[in-house]
Amino acid sequence: MIITKTPLRIGFVGGGTDIPAYYRKYTGSLISAAINKYIYIIVNKKFDSKIRVSYSTTEIVDTVDQIKHPSVREAMKLLEIDGGIEVLSISDIPSQGTGLGSSSTFLVGLLNALHAYKSEYASKEQLAKEAIKIEREILNEAGGKQDQYMASYGGINLLTFNKNESVFVSPVSLDIDKLEKLKSHMAFYYTGISRQSSNIHVDMEKKINEHLDAYHKMKDLSKDFFNALYTNDINKLGQILNENWKLKKSQSEKISTDFIDNLYNKALSFGAMGGNLIGAGGGGFFVFVIDSENKKKLNALNLREIKFDFDFEGSRIIYFSE
């Protein structure tokens, strides 16, 4: 039996510049952070030759091609695993439509477990690239590259997406005091809305040439945010998030709604300096930068607050037994 533990992530600034239609022409850049909310994958050798896959439903099939879950099916085909195996997933947070990169996190954790099942070593770079290959090339799912790299590497990172498909991972290395100050000025809330990110990504890619200035500015803001993290300038971080959110909303009418706009404006009136709706938009989670003494005011939003910490390990094997 093998168990992997893989972190979800919060995107701060520059999201969308990891979409191929943008970075292949202009190079993309964003800041993202892995958090201590996880997807766990359990892989076990089955007594017989069948395949059992358990997630929100349970599949018991005879061959890999019969698996309905696309990521599980293609991961097993890529690693040439043909049967006699059980795969189970468990998530700390609802695993679909929440904007935390859950589908890619699931796949990275699965690939990590399947490589271990075959007694193979897979580097963090390999796990990210294999997940991208499955999601973007084999399944042709719309979206970018940040989720796979963040799930694999963990940490707080400036990710650079190059025209030649390479990705530079630049970790933000803050001491304990700066990390604690950063966390104490952040609030994380669930809107209660789930959505299909692929629909938003498709719309964004169709309109990308109409909003190039916004993408360019968001890319520049990611570098400003990177510098502000090191100086621990909380006001600056909030201002950058606020500017990024305005630019992000302009990319597609699907990114925000009147309900979401109302929540955001209320948060600002309660003292938030800025925020971001995590992921593609349309629902999921908000992150706000706010002074610690004003945090309680956000309770008036009537949203569920999620306490979180940062994760600096990325996908890892937490249990292995013959």
Protein backbone atom coordinates (compact mmCIF):
# COMPACT_ATOMS: atom_id res chain seq x y z
CA MET A 1 0.00 0.00 0.00
CA ILE A 2 1.19 3.51 -0.87
CA ILE A 3 -0.30 6.79 0.36
CA THR A 4 0.63 10.17 -1.12
CA LYS A 5 -0.19 13.61 0.27
CA THR A 6 -0.32 16.51 -2.22
CA PRO A 7 -1.10 20.17 -1.43
CA LEU A 8 -3.72 22.41 -2.96
CA ARG A 9 -2.70 25.97 -3.82
CA ILE A 10 -3.68 29.63 -3.59
CA GLY A 11 -2.92 31.75 -6.65
CA PHE A 12 -2.04 35.34 -5.78
CA VAL A 13 -1.03 37.38 -8.84
CA GLY A 14 -0.52 36.76 -12.56
CA GLY A 15 -2.97 33.88 -12.96
CA GLY A 16 -3.86 33.32 -16.60
CA THR A 17 -0.40 34.10 -17.93
CA ASP A 18 0.29 30.35 -17.67
CA ILE A 19 -2.19 29.68 -20.50
CA PRO A 20 -0.39 28.47 -23.67
CA ALA A 21 -2.06 31.09 -25.88
CA TYR A 22 -0.27 33.74 -23.81
CA TYR A 23 3.08 32.33 -22.59
CA ARG A 24 4.03 30.80 -25.96
CA LYS A 25 4.14 34.33 -27.38
CA TYR A 26 5.03 36.55 -24.43
CA THR A 27 6.31 34.36 -21.52
CA GLY A 28 4.11 34.11 -18.43
CA SER A 29 4.77 34.83 -14.77
CA LEU A 30 2.74 34.38 -11.59
CA ILE A 31 2.97 34.01 -7.81
CA SER A 32 1.29 31.05 -6.13
CA ALA A 33 1.45 29.32 -2.73
CA ALA A 34 0.83 25.71 -1.72
CA ILE A 35 -1.26 25.36 1.45
CA ASN A 36 -1.78 22.71 4.12
CA LYS A 37 -5.00 21.40 2.58
CA TYR A 38 -4.36 18.13 0.79
CA ILE A 39 -5.56 15.42 -1.52
CA TYR A 40 -4.55 11.94 -0.40
CA ILE A 41 -4.18 9.08 -2.86
CA ILE A 42 -4.11 5.49 -1.68
CA VAL A 43 -2.88 2.81 -4.07
CA ASN A 44 -2.98 -0.87 -3.14
CA LYS A 45 -2.36 -4.16 -4.92
CA LYS A 46 -5.68 -5.91 -5.48
CA PHE A 47 -6.26 -9.57 -4.67
CA ASP A 48 -7.56 -10.29 -8.17
CA SER A 49 -6.80 -8.82 -11.60
CA LYS A 50 -9.61 -6.27 -11.59
CA ILE A 51 -9.24 -2.50 -11.16
CA ARG A 52 -11.11 -0.64 -8.41
CA VAL A 53 -11.19 3.17 -8.46
CA SER A 54 -12.96 5.03 -5.67
CA TYR A 55 -13.55 8.80 -5.64
CA SER A 56 -17.03 10.41 -5.51
CA THR A 57 -18.19 7.13 -7.01
CA THR A 58 -16.68 3.65 -7.21
CA GLU A 59 -15.68 1.86 -10.40
CA ILE A 60 -14.79 -1.82 -10.62
CA VAL A 61 -13.62 -2.76 -14.11
CA ASP A 62 -11.62 -5.42 -15.92
CA THR A 63 -9.36 -3.23 -18.07
CA VAL A 64 -7.79 0.22 -17.95
CA ASP A 65 -9.72 1.37 -21.03
CA GLN A 66 -12.98 0.77 -19.13
CA ILE A 67 -12.11 3.32 -16.40
CA LYS A 68 -14.41 6.33 -16.67
CA HIS A 69 -12.26 8.68 -14.56
CA PRO A 70 -10.09 10.28 -17.28
CA SER A 71 -7.06 11.16 -15.14
CA VAL A 72 -6.87 7.72 -13.54
CA ARG A 73 -7.30 5.98 -16.89
CA GLU A 74 -4.62 8.02 -18.68
CA ALA A 75 -2.16 7.93 -15.76
CA MET A 76 -2.35 4.15 -15.67
CA LYS A 77 -1.93 3.95 -19.44
CA LEU A 78 1.03 6.33 -19.37
CA LEU A 79 2.77 4.25 -16.69
CA GLU A 80 1.71 0.97 -18.33
CA ILE A 81 -0.18 -0.42 -15.34
CA ASP A 82 -2.81 -2.87 -16.58
CA GLY A 83 -4.73 -4.26 -13.59
CA GLY A 84 -4.81 -5.83 -10.16
CA ILE A 85 -4.83 -2.45 -8.42
CA GLU A 86 -7.04 -0.28 -6.20
CA VAL A 87 -6.99 3.54 -6.23
CA LEU A 88 -8.75 5.65 -3.58
CA SER A 89 -8.79 9.45 -3.16
CA ILE A 90 -9.63 11.60 -0.14
CA SER A 91 -9.67 15.41 -0.08
CA ASP A 92 -9.54 17.95 2.75
CA ILE A 93 -11.62 20.40 0.69
CA PRO A 94 -14.33 19.78 -1.95
CA SER A 95 -12.35 18.50 -4.89
CA GLN A 96 -14.14 20.05 -7.86
CA GLY A 97 -14.87 23.58 -8.93
CA THR A 98 -13.25 25.38 -6.00
CA GLY A 99 -10.32 27.02 -7.80
CA LEU A 100 -7.55 25.46 -5.70
CA GLY A 101 -6.13 23.30 -8.48
CA SER A 102 -7.71 20.10 -7.18
CA SER A 103 -7.83 18.15 -10.46
CA SER A 104 -4.11 18.66 -11.10
CA THR A 105 -3.32 18.04 -7.43
CA PHE A 106 -5.19 14.74 -7.66
CA LEU A 107 -3.26 13.76 -10.78
CA VAL A 108 0.18 14.70 -9.41
CA GLY A 109 -0.52 12.71 -6.24
CA LEU A 110 -1.76 9.76 -8.31
CA LEU A 111 1.32 9.77 -10.55
CA ASN A 112 3.55 9.94 -7.47
CA ALA A 113 1.77 6.91 -5.98
CA LEU A 114 1.78 4.92 -9.21
CA HIS A 115 5.51 5.47 -9.74
CA ALA A 116 6.14 4.24 -6.19
CA TYR A 117 3.85 1.26 -6.89
CA LYS A 118 6.20 0.38 -9.76
CA SER A 119 9.28 0.99 -7.57
CA GLU A 120 10.26 3.97 -9.73
CA TYR A 121 11.67 7.34 -8.68
CA ALA A 122 9.93 10.39 -10.15
CA SER A 123 11.32 13.90 -9.60
CA LYS A 124 9.08 16.87 -8.90
CA GLU A 125 9.75 18.15 -12.40
CA GLN A 126 8.80 14.80 -13.91
CA LEU A 127 5.54 14.62 -11.95
CA ALA A 128 4.54 18.13 -13.08
CA LYS A 129 5.42 17.44 -16.72
CA GLU A 130 3.57 14.11 -16.79
CA ALA A 131 0.47 15.71 -15.27
CA ILE A 132 0.59 18.50 -17.89
CA LYS A 133 1.04 15.93 -20.67
CA ILE A 134 -2.07 14.05 -19.53
CA GLU A 135 -4.30 17.07 -18.89
CA ARG A 136 -3.26 19.37 -21.72
CA GLU A 137 -2.06 17.02 -24.48
CA ILE A 138 -3.84 13.69 -24.03
CA LEU A 139 -7.17 14.87 -22.57
CA ASN A 140 -7.01 18.28 -24.29
CA GLU A 141 -8.38 20.02 -21.20
CA ALA A 142 -8.23 23.82 -21.24
CA GLY A 143 -6.07 25.54 -18.64
CA GLY A 144 -2.55 26.48 -17.66
CA LYS A 145 0.50 24.98 -15.97
CA GLN A 146 0.70 26.46 -12.49
CA ASP A 147 -1.42 23.83 -10.70
CA GLN A 148 0.76 20.88 -11.67
CA TYR A 149 3.99 22.63 -10.64
CA MET A 150 2.59 23.93 -7.36
CA ALA A 151 1.19 20.52 -6.39
CA SER A 152 4.50 18.88 -7.17
CA TYR A 153 6.91 21.42 -5.67
CA GLY A 154 4.94 23.05 -2.84
CA GLY A 155 6.14 26.33 -1.33
CA ILE A 156 5.53 29.94 -2.29
CA ASN A 157 6.87 30.39 -5.81
CA LEU A 158 7.37 32.81 -8.64
CA LEU A 159 6.71 30.61 -11.67
CA THR A 160 7.98 31.67 -15.08
CA PHE A 161 6.45 29.99 -18.14
CA ASN A 162 8.81 30.21 -21.10
CA LYS A 163 8.01 30.18 -24.81
CA ASN A 164 9.90 26.89 -25.25
CA GLU A 165 7.58 25.16 -22.68
CA SER A 166 10.19 25.14 -19.89
CA VAL A 167 9.16 26.42 -16.46
CA PHE A 168 11.39 28.20 -13.95
CA VAL A 169 10.43 27.67 -10.29
CA SER A 170 11.80 30.49 -8.10
CA PRO A 171 10.98 29.81 -4.41
CA VAL A 172 10.18 32.69 -2.08
CA SER A 173 12.39 32.02 0.94
CA LEU A 174 11.05 33.98 3.91
CA ASP A 175 12.13 33.60 7.53
CA ILE A 176 9.66 32.53 10.23
CA ASP A 177 8.86 36.07 11.37
CA LYS A 178 8.01 37.24 7.85
CA LEU A 179 5.91 34.14 7.17
CA GLU A 180 3.97 34.62 10.41
CA LYS A 181 3.35 38.28 9.62
CA LEU A 182 2.16 37.34 6.14
CA LYS A 183 -0.24 34.69 7.46
CA SER A 184 -1.59 36.98 10.18
CA HIS A 185 -2.60 39.49 7.50
CA MET A 186 -4.41 36.98 5.27
CA ALA A 187 -7.97 35.68 5.41
CA PHE A 188 -9.30 32.79 3.35
CA TYR A 189 -13.04 32.29 2.70
CA TYR A 190 -15.23 29.86 0.75
CA THR A 191 -17.94 31.50 -1.36
CA GLY A 192 -20.02 28.33 -1.42
CA ILE A 193 -20.04 28.39 -5.22
CA SER A 194 -18.46 25.69 -7.38
CA ARG A 195 -17.98 26.01 -11.14
CA GLN A 196 -16.34 24.42 -14.18
CA SER A 197 -12.99 26.16 -14.64
CA SER A 198 -12.57 24.70 -18.13
CA ASN A 199 -15.50 26.80 -19.38
CA ILE A 200 -13.84 29.97 -18.08
CA HIS A 201 -10.42 29.00 -19.49
CA VAL A 202 -11.94 28.40 -22.93
CA ASP A 203 -13.60 31.82 -22.85
CA MET A 204 -10.35 33.47 -21.71
CA GLU A 205 -8.33 31.86 -24.49
CA LYS A 206 -10.83 32.99 -27.12
CA LYS A 207 -10.55 36.60 -25.95
CA ILE A 208 -6.87 36.73 -25.06
CA ASN A 209 -5.88 39.09 -27.87
CA GLU A 210 -8.54 41.56 -26.73
CA HIS A 211 -6.98 41.75 -23.26
CA LEU A 212 -3.24 41.58 -23.88
CA ASP A 213 -2.56 44.77 -21.90
CA ALA A 214 -4.22 43.25 -18.84
CA TYR A 215 -2.14 40.07 -19.13
CA HIS A 216 1.08 42.07 -19.54
CA LYS A 217 0.27 44.19 -16.46
CA MET A 218 -0.60 41.14 -14.38
CA LYS A 219 2.70 39.55 -15.34
CA ASP A 220 4.53 42.70 -14.19
CA LEU A 221 2.51 42.71 -10.96
CA SER A 222 3.71 39.18 -10.16
CA LYS A 223 7.27 40.49 -9.97
CA ASP A 224 6.17 43.44 -7.83
CA PHE A 225 4.38 41.00 -5.51
CA PHE A 226 7.51 38.84 -5.34
CA ASN A 227 9.56 41.86 -4.17
CA ALA A 228 6.86 42.97 -1.70
CA LEU A 229 6.88 39.50 -0.10
CA TYR A 230 10.57 39.88 0.70
CA THR A 231 10.15 43.40 2.09
CA ASN A 232 7.06 42.22 4.00
CA ASP A 233 5.21 45.30 2.81
CA ILE A 234 1.64 44.26 3.67
CA ASN A 235 0.02 47.43 2.31
CA LYS A 236 1.83 46.95 -0.99
CA LEU A 237 0.76 43.31 -1.19
CA GLY A 238 -2.86 44.34 -0.68
CA GLN A 239 -2.65 47.08 -3.30
CA ILE A 240 -1.15 44.68 -5.84
CA LEU A 241 -3.84 42.07 -5.19
CA ASN A 242 -6.54 44.69 -5.65
CA GLU A 243 -5.05 45.88 -8.93
CA ASN A 244 -4.59 42.29 -10.12
CA TRP A 245 -8.24 41.48 -9.32
CA LYS A 246 -9.48 44.40 -11.42
CA LEU A 247 -7.33 43.26 -14.34
CA LYS A 248 -8.34 39.63 -13.91
CA LYS A 249 -12.06 40.49 -14.01
CA SER A 250 -11.59 42.27 -17.32
CA GLN A 251 -10.45 39.07 -19.08
CA SER A 252 -13.85 37.36 -19.15
CA GLU A 253 -17.38 38.14 -18.03
CA LYS A 254 -17.47 34.64 -16.54
CA ILE A 255 -14.81 35.45 -13.92
CA SER A 256 -17.03 37.48 -11.61
CA THR A 257 -20.74 37.97 -10.83
CA ASP A 258 -22.78 40.61 -9.05
CA PHE A 259 -22.74 38.38 -5.96
CA ILE A 260 -18.95 38.03 -6.03
CA ASP A 261 -18.44 41.75 -6.72
CA ASN A 262 -20.69 42.56 -3.77
CA LEU A 263 -18.69 40.27 -1.47
CA TYR A 264 -15.41 41.81 -2.60
CA ASN A 265 -16.62 45.39 -2.14
CA LYS A 266 -17.96 44.56 1.31
CA ALA A 267 -14.57 43.09 2.27
CA LEU A 268 -12.88 46.33 1.19
CA SER A 269 -15.35 48.33 3.26
CA PHE A 270 -14.45 46.17 6.28
CA GLY A 271 -10.76 47.02 5.89
CA ALA A 272 -9.38 44.53 3.37
CA MET A 273 -6.59 46.07 1.31
CA GLY A 274 -7.12 43.74 -1.62
CA GLY A 275 -7.93 40.19 -2.55
CA ASN A 276 -8.27 37.57 -5.22
CA LEU A 277 -10.85 34.99 -6.20
CA ILE A 278 -8.66 31.91 -6.44
CA GLY A 279 -8.30 30.06 -9.73
CA ALA A 280 -10.17 30.82 -12.93
CA GLY A 281 -12.96 32.66 -11.10
CA GLY A 282 -16.72 32.30 -11.04
CA GLY A 283 -16.74 30.94 -7.47
CA GLY A 284 -14.57 28.95 -5.11
CA PHE A 285 -12.40 30.77 -2.56
CA PHE A 286 -11.46 34.36 -1.79
CA VAL A 287 -8.14 35.34 -0.22
CA PHE A 288 -7.86 38.81 1.32
CA VAL A 289 -4.99 40.85 2.72
CA ILE A 290 -6.26 42.63 5.83
CA ASP A 291 -4.90 43.94 9.12
CA SER A 292 -5.32 41.35 11.87
CA GLU A 293 -7.47 43.72 13.99
CA ASN A 294 -9.98 43.99 11.12
CA LYS A 295 -10.25 40.27 10.40
CA LYS A 296 -13.27 39.76 12.64
CA LYS A 297 -15.21 42.29 10.58
CA LEU A 298 -15.11 39.87 7.65
CA ASN A 299 -17.43 37.55 9.60
CA ALA A 300 -20.19 39.85 8.35
CA LEU A 301 -19.64 38.37 4.87
CA ASN A 302 -21.35 35.21 6.19
CA LEU A 303 -18.81 33.00 4.45
CA ARG A 304 -16.98 29.99 5.83
CA GLU A 305 -13.45 30.93 6.90
CA ILE A 306 -10.73 28.35 6.25
CA LYS A 307 -7.67 28.46 8.51
CA PHE A 308 -4.54 27.63 6.56
CA ASP A 309 -0.77 27.46 6.63
CA PHE A 310 1.75 27.20 3.82
CA ASP A 311 3.11 23.87 2.62
CA PHE A 312 6.77 23.68 1.60
CA GLU A 313 7.12 19.98 0.74
CA GLY A 314 4.85 19.44 -2.22
CA SER A 315 3.64 15.99 -3.19
CA ARG A 316 5.17 13.29 -1.02
CA ILE A 317 4.79 9.66 -0.04
CA ILE A 318 3.66 9.42 3.59
CA TYR A 319 3.18 5.65 3.77
CA PHE A 320 4.72 2.71 1.96
CA SER A 321 4.21 -0.94 2.87
CA GLU A 322 4.86 -4.16 1.00
